[in-house]
Amino acid sequence: MRTFLGVATLLLWHFAAFAQSFEVASVKPSRQTLGRDFNKPVVFGPSGLTGRNVTLKRLIVEAYSVQPHQVFGGPKWLEDSEYDIDAKTDGPAAKEQLCVMLRTLLAERFRLALHRENKELHVYELVVDKGGPKIHAAKDPAGSGARSLEQLANLISVQLTIPEPADPGKPSIASGAPIPVIDKTGLTGLYEIAYDLHPESGIDMFKLWQRILQDQMGLKLESRKAPVEILIVDRADRIPVAN
């Protein structure tokens, strides 16, 4: 009986580990470096993911579903070295499953090790304004304008790093470490979120977003000090293990 239970436990462990790994995956340094200002997304599909010129920090952000400001520590190259990644499963998988598989892949290929901590940070809380929300539930959840309030908060966090334009006719590039924007609206589901964002000389991005949120969405930002869960990178190899 003990032998049977031991074998059964090993089999369950084996299948659980298998279910958390990609069927096939390729991770290699990019042949050409595009630089920090290049938009480098990780694209999730129904049976895998791909990325071109993505940094290990970006991969960590995607794998653990956090914002860049929540990743601390690690070597400097974490935000500079770029990689191409292709990973496939043996069948359809939800994004949450793909994220777990990506965590396994990063640990295997980069020998990535990290731990979680809570740290008190300056944050902005996205809340409902006194007049109530002006946004409406999305009729087409797959539409380009359909967003959750958490997604809107993440977008604002990055947008707030765009400096006041010297020339409103020219685009400015987001820079610096984003201040966390945390969704505290209590509104769940997807909403039709559209806005007109026109940088103006003399108005910084915070004031501009505050005006858009209050006038167009019935929301606002409030400044707070709050504990935020962060990831601290303890170890990572710059050259990934060969495919």
Protein backbone atom coordinates (compact mmCIF):
# COMPACT_ATOMS: atom_id res chain seq x y z
CA MET A 1 0.00 0.00 0.00
CA ARG A 2 2.80 2.42 0.88
CA THR A 3 4.56 1.65 -2.40
CA PHE A 4 1.36 2.24 -4.37
CA LEU A 5 0.72 5.56 -2.60
CA GLY A 6 4.32 6.60 -3.17
CA VAL A 7 4.10 5.87 -6.90
CA ALA A 8 0.74 7.64 -7.13
CA THR A 9 2.18 10.72 -5.41
CA LEU A 10 5.14 10.79 -7.80
CA LEU A 11 2.83 10.48 -10.79
CA LEU A 12 0.62 13.31 -9.57
CA TRP A 13 3.71 15.47 -9.00
CA HIS A 14 4.98 14.60 -12.48
CA PHE A 15 1.71 15.53 -14.20
CA ALA A 16 1.40 18.74 -12.16
CA ALA A 17 4.93 19.77 -13.14
CA PHE A 18 4.27 18.85 -16.77
CA ALA A 19 1.07 20.91 -16.79
CA GLN A 20 3.07 23.95 -15.65
CA SER A 21 5.63 23.70 -18.47
CA PHE A 22 5.50 24.54 -22.16
CA GLU A 23 5.60 21.69 -24.64
CA VAL A 24 8.37 23.47 -26.56
CA ALA A 25 10.11 26.78 -25.91
CA SER A 26 12.90 28.84 -27.45
CA VAL A 27 14.64 31.67 -25.57
CA LYS A 28 17.68 33.37 -27.07
CA PRO A 29 19.37 36.77 -27.06
CA SER A 30 18.04 39.12 -29.75
CA ARG A 31 20.38 39.64 -32.67
CA GLN A 32 19.73 43.38 -32.67
CA THR A 33 19.11 45.58 -29.62
CA LEU A 34 16.34 48.15 -30.06
CA GLY A 35 16.70 50.05 -26.76
CA ARG A 36 14.51 51.00 -23.80
CA ASP A 37 12.18 53.38 -25.63
CA PHE A 38 11.00 50.67 -28.02
CA ASN A 39 7.59 49.16 -27.21
CA LYS A 40 8.29 45.48 -26.58
CA PRO A 41 5.15 43.53 -25.66
CA VAL A 42 4.79 39.85 -24.91
CA VAL A 43 1.94 38.52 -27.03
CA PHE A 44 -0.22 35.81 -25.45
CA GLY A 45 -2.17 33.47 -27.72
CA PRO A 46 -4.56 30.54 -27.15
CA SER A 47 -1.71 28.00 -27.07
CA GLY A 48 1.47 29.93 -26.28
CA LEU A 49 3.26 33.24 -26.30
CA THR A 50 5.86 35.16 -28.30
CA GLY A 51 8.10 38.14 -27.68
CA ARG A 52 10.70 40.02 -29.68
CA ASN A 53 13.35 42.23 -28.11
CA VAL A 54 11.88 41.78 -24.65
CA THR A 55 13.94 42.25 -21.50
CA LEU A 56 14.01 39.81 -18.62
CA LYS A 57 12.31 42.48 -16.49
CA ARG A 58 9.45 42.64 -19.00
CA LEU A 59 9.17 38.84 -18.90
CA ILE A 60 9.05 38.94 -15.09
CA VAL A 61 6.32 41.60 -15.23
CA GLU A 62 4.26 39.42 -17.57
CA ALA A 63 4.90 36.15 -15.74
CA TYR A 64 3.87 37.51 -12.35
CA SER A 65 1.18 39.95 -13.54
CA VAL A 66 2.77 42.97 -11.84
CA GLN A 67 3.77 46.46 -12.94
CA PRO A 68 7.44 47.37 -13.65
CA HIS A 69 7.66 49.48 -10.49
CA GLN A 70 6.99 46.34 -8.44
CA VAL A 71 10.22 44.62 -9.59
CA PHE A 72 13.31 45.50 -7.55
CA GLY A 73 16.89 44.27 -7.36
CA GLY A 74 18.78 42.15 -9.83
CA PRO A 75 21.63 43.15 -12.15
CA LYS A 76 21.52 46.28 -14.32
CA TRP A 77 21.21 44.27 -17.54
CA LEU A 78 17.74 43.15 -16.38
CA GLU A 79 16.34 46.21 -18.20
CA ASP A 80 18.87 46.34 -21.05
CA SER A 81 19.55 42.88 -22.47
CA GLU A 82 16.89 41.83 -24.99
CA TYR A 83 15.61 38.37 -25.90
CA ASP A 84 13.38 36.62 -28.43
CA ILE A 85 11.00 34.07 -26.99
CA ASP A 86 8.62 31.54 -28.56
CA ALA A 87 6.75 29.08 -26.35
CA LYS A 88 3.98 26.63 -27.23
CA THR A 89 1.71 24.40 -25.18
CA ASP A 90 0.32 21.03 -26.26
CA GLY A 91 -3.22 22.46 -26.27
CA PRO A 92 -5.34 25.51 -25.48
CA ALA A 93 -4.42 27.30 -22.24
CA ALA A 94 -5.78 30.33 -20.39
CA LYS A 95 -3.51 33.33 -19.88
CA GLU A 96 -3.21 32.52 -16.16
CA GLN A 97 -1.83 29.07 -17.07
CA LEU A 98 0.57 30.58 -19.59
CA CYS A 99 1.87 32.95 -16.89
CA VAL A 100 2.59 30.01 -14.58
CA MET A 101 4.38 28.21 -17.42
CA LEU A 102 6.40 31.36 -18.11
CA ARG A 103 7.52 31.46 -14.46
CA THR A 104 8.76 27.89 -14.80
CA LEU A 105 10.55 28.73 -18.04
CA LEU A 106 12.33 31.76 -16.54
CA ALA A 107 13.50 29.67 -13.60
CA GLU A 108 14.81 26.95 -15.94
CA ARG A 109 16.45 29.09 -18.63
CA PHE A 110 17.66 32.12 -16.64
CA ARG A 111 17.99 30.37 -13.26
CA LEU A 112 15.80 33.21 -12.02
CA ALA A 113 15.22 33.35 -8.28
CA LEU A 114 13.13 36.01 -6.54
CA HIS A 115 11.05 36.57 -3.45
CA ARG A 116 8.08 38.72 -2.43
CA GLU A 117 7.98 41.50 0.13
CA ASN A 118 5.63 44.34 1.08
CA LYS A 119 6.98 47.88 0.84
CA GLU A 120 5.30 51.19 1.67
CA LEU A 121 5.29 53.34 -1.44
CA HIS A 122 3.77 56.59 -2.64
CA VAL A 123 0.77 55.55 -4.73
CA TYR A 124 -2.24 57.03 -6.43
CA GLU A 125 -5.57 55.39 -5.77
CA LEU A 126 -8.12 55.43 -8.58
CA VAL A 127 -11.50 56.08 -6.94
CA VAL A 128 -15.03 57.12 -7.92
CA ASP A 129 -15.60 60.89 -7.82
CA LYS A 130 -18.39 62.36 -5.68
CA GLY A 131 -20.78 62.64 -8.67
CA GLY A 132 -20.54 58.92 -9.46
CA PRO A 133 -19.02 57.09 -12.44
CA LYS A 134 -19.76 58.23 -16.00
CA ILE A 135 -18.47 55.11 -17.72
CA HIS A 136 -20.70 52.28 -18.97
CA ALA A 137 -20.33 48.50 -19.13
CA ALA A 138 -18.82 47.29 -22.39
CA LYS A 139 -21.37 45.91 -24.86
CA ASP A 140 -18.58 44.13 -26.74
CA PRO A 141 -16.00 42.73 -24.27
CA ALA A 142 -13.67 41.93 -27.18
CA GLY A 143 -13.78 45.50 -28.49
CA SER A 144 -10.69 47.72 -28.49
CA GLY A 145 -12.25 50.19 -26.05
CA ALA A 146 -13.24 47.57 -23.46
CA ARG A 147 -11.04 47.78 -20.36
CA SER A 148 -11.17 46.86 -16.72
CA LEU A 149 -10.49 49.59 -14.18
CA GLU A 150 -7.30 47.74 -13.21
CA GLN A 151 -6.10 48.00 -16.82
CA LEU A 152 -6.93 51.72 -16.81
CA ALA A 153 -4.95 52.15 -13.57
CA ASN A 154 -1.92 50.40 -15.11
CA LEU A 155 -2.14 52.63 -18.19
CA ILE A 156 -2.30 55.81 -16.09
CA SER A 157 0.69 54.64 -14.04
CA VAL A 158 2.84 54.64 -17.18
CA GLN A 159 1.26 57.77 -18.63
CA LEU A 160 2.14 59.76 -15.51
CA THR A 161 5.83 59.34 -16.35
CA ILE A 162 5.41 61.38 -19.57
CA PRO A 163 6.98 64.82 -18.91
CA GLU A 164 5.32 68.14 -19.71
CA PRO A 165 5.93 68.78 -23.43
CA ALA A 166 8.29 71.56 -24.48
CA ASP A 167 6.41 71.52 -27.79
CA PRO A 168 2.79 70.26 -27.54
CA GLY A 169 2.95 69.36 -31.24
CA LYS A 170 5.67 66.78 -30.68
CA PRO A 171 5.19 63.49 -28.76
CA SER A 172 6.94 62.98 -25.42
CA ILE A 173 8.37 59.65 -24.29
CA ALA A 174 7.46 58.07 -20.95
CA SER A 175 10.45 58.08 -18.63
CA GLY A 176 11.35 57.44 -15.02
CA ALA A 177 9.89 54.99 -12.54
CA PRO A 178 6.05 54.88 -12.61
CA ILE A 179 4.17 55.70 -9.43
CA PRO A 180 1.75 52.83 -8.72
CA VAL A 181 -1.89 53.54 -9.55
CA ILE A 182 -4.15 51.16 -7.67
CA ASP A 183 -7.77 50.51 -8.62
CA LYS A 184 -9.95 51.28 -5.60
CA THR A 185 -13.16 52.03 -7.50
CA GLY A 186 -14.87 48.77 -6.59
CA LEU A 187 -16.10 48.57 -10.20
CA THR A 188 -15.70 45.10 -11.69
CA GLY A 189 -16.01 43.85 -15.24
CA LEU A 190 -15.16 45.62 -18.49
CA TYR A 191 -16.17 49.16 -19.42
CA GLU A 192 -16.21 51.30 -22.55
CA ILE A 193 -13.31 53.60 -21.72
CA ALA A 194 -12.55 56.32 -24.23
CA TYR A 195 -10.79 59.61 -23.57
CA ASP A 196 -9.26 62.61 -25.35
CA LEU A 197 -5.67 63.11 -24.25
CA HIS A 198 -3.99 66.20 -25.66
CA PRO A 199 -0.74 67.28 -23.93
CA GLU A 200 -0.71 71.00 -23.16
CA SER A 201 2.20 73.27 -22.37
CA GLY A 202 2.13 74.28 -18.70
CA ILE A 203 0.01 71.30 -17.60
CA ASP A 204 1.76 68.18 -16.29
CA MET A 205 0.42 64.70 -16.97
CA PHE A 206 -1.08 64.27 -13.50
CA LYS A 207 -3.24 67.40 -13.81
CA LEU A 208 -4.22 66.42 -17.33
CA TRP A 209 -5.29 62.92 -16.29
CA GLN A 210 -7.09 64.23 -13.22
CA ARG A 211 -9.15 66.51 -15.47
CA ILE A 212 -9.91 63.69 -17.94
CA LEU A 213 -10.92 61.30 -15.16
CA GLN A 214 -13.24 63.76 -13.46
CA ASP A 215 -14.81 65.33 -16.55
CA GLN A 216 -15.07 62.28 -18.83
CA MET A 217 -15.24 59.26 -16.50
CA GLY A 218 -16.48 60.39 -13.09
CA LEU A 219 -13.30 59.11 -11.44
CA LYS A 220 -10.29 60.73 -9.77
CA LEU A 221 -6.82 60.06 -8.35
CA GLU A 222 -5.99 60.39 -4.64
CA SER A 223 -2.42 60.44 -3.32
CA ARG A 224 -1.62 57.93 -0.60
CA LYS A 225 1.15 56.02 1.15
CA ALA A 226 0.28 52.35 0.97
CA PRO A 227 1.91 48.92 1.30
CA VAL A 228 2.57 47.42 -2.13
CA GLU A 229 3.67 43.86 -2.84
CA ILE A 230 7.00 43.87 -4.66
CA LEU A 231 9.23 41.23 -6.25
CA ILE A 232 12.93 41.28 -5.41
CA VAL A 233 15.23 39.53 -7.87
CA ASP A 234 17.86 37.50 -6.00
CA ARG A 235 19.63 35.87 -8.96
CA ALA A 236 19.48 35.68 -12.75
CA ASP A 237 21.82 34.52 -15.52
CA ARG A 238 22.28 36.87 -18.47
CA ILE A 239 22.75 34.07 -21.01
CA PRO A 240 19.77 31.68 -21.00
CA VAL A 241 20.29 27.93 -20.98
CA ALA A 242 20.39 26.63 -24.56
CA ASN A 243 17.10 25.52 -26.11
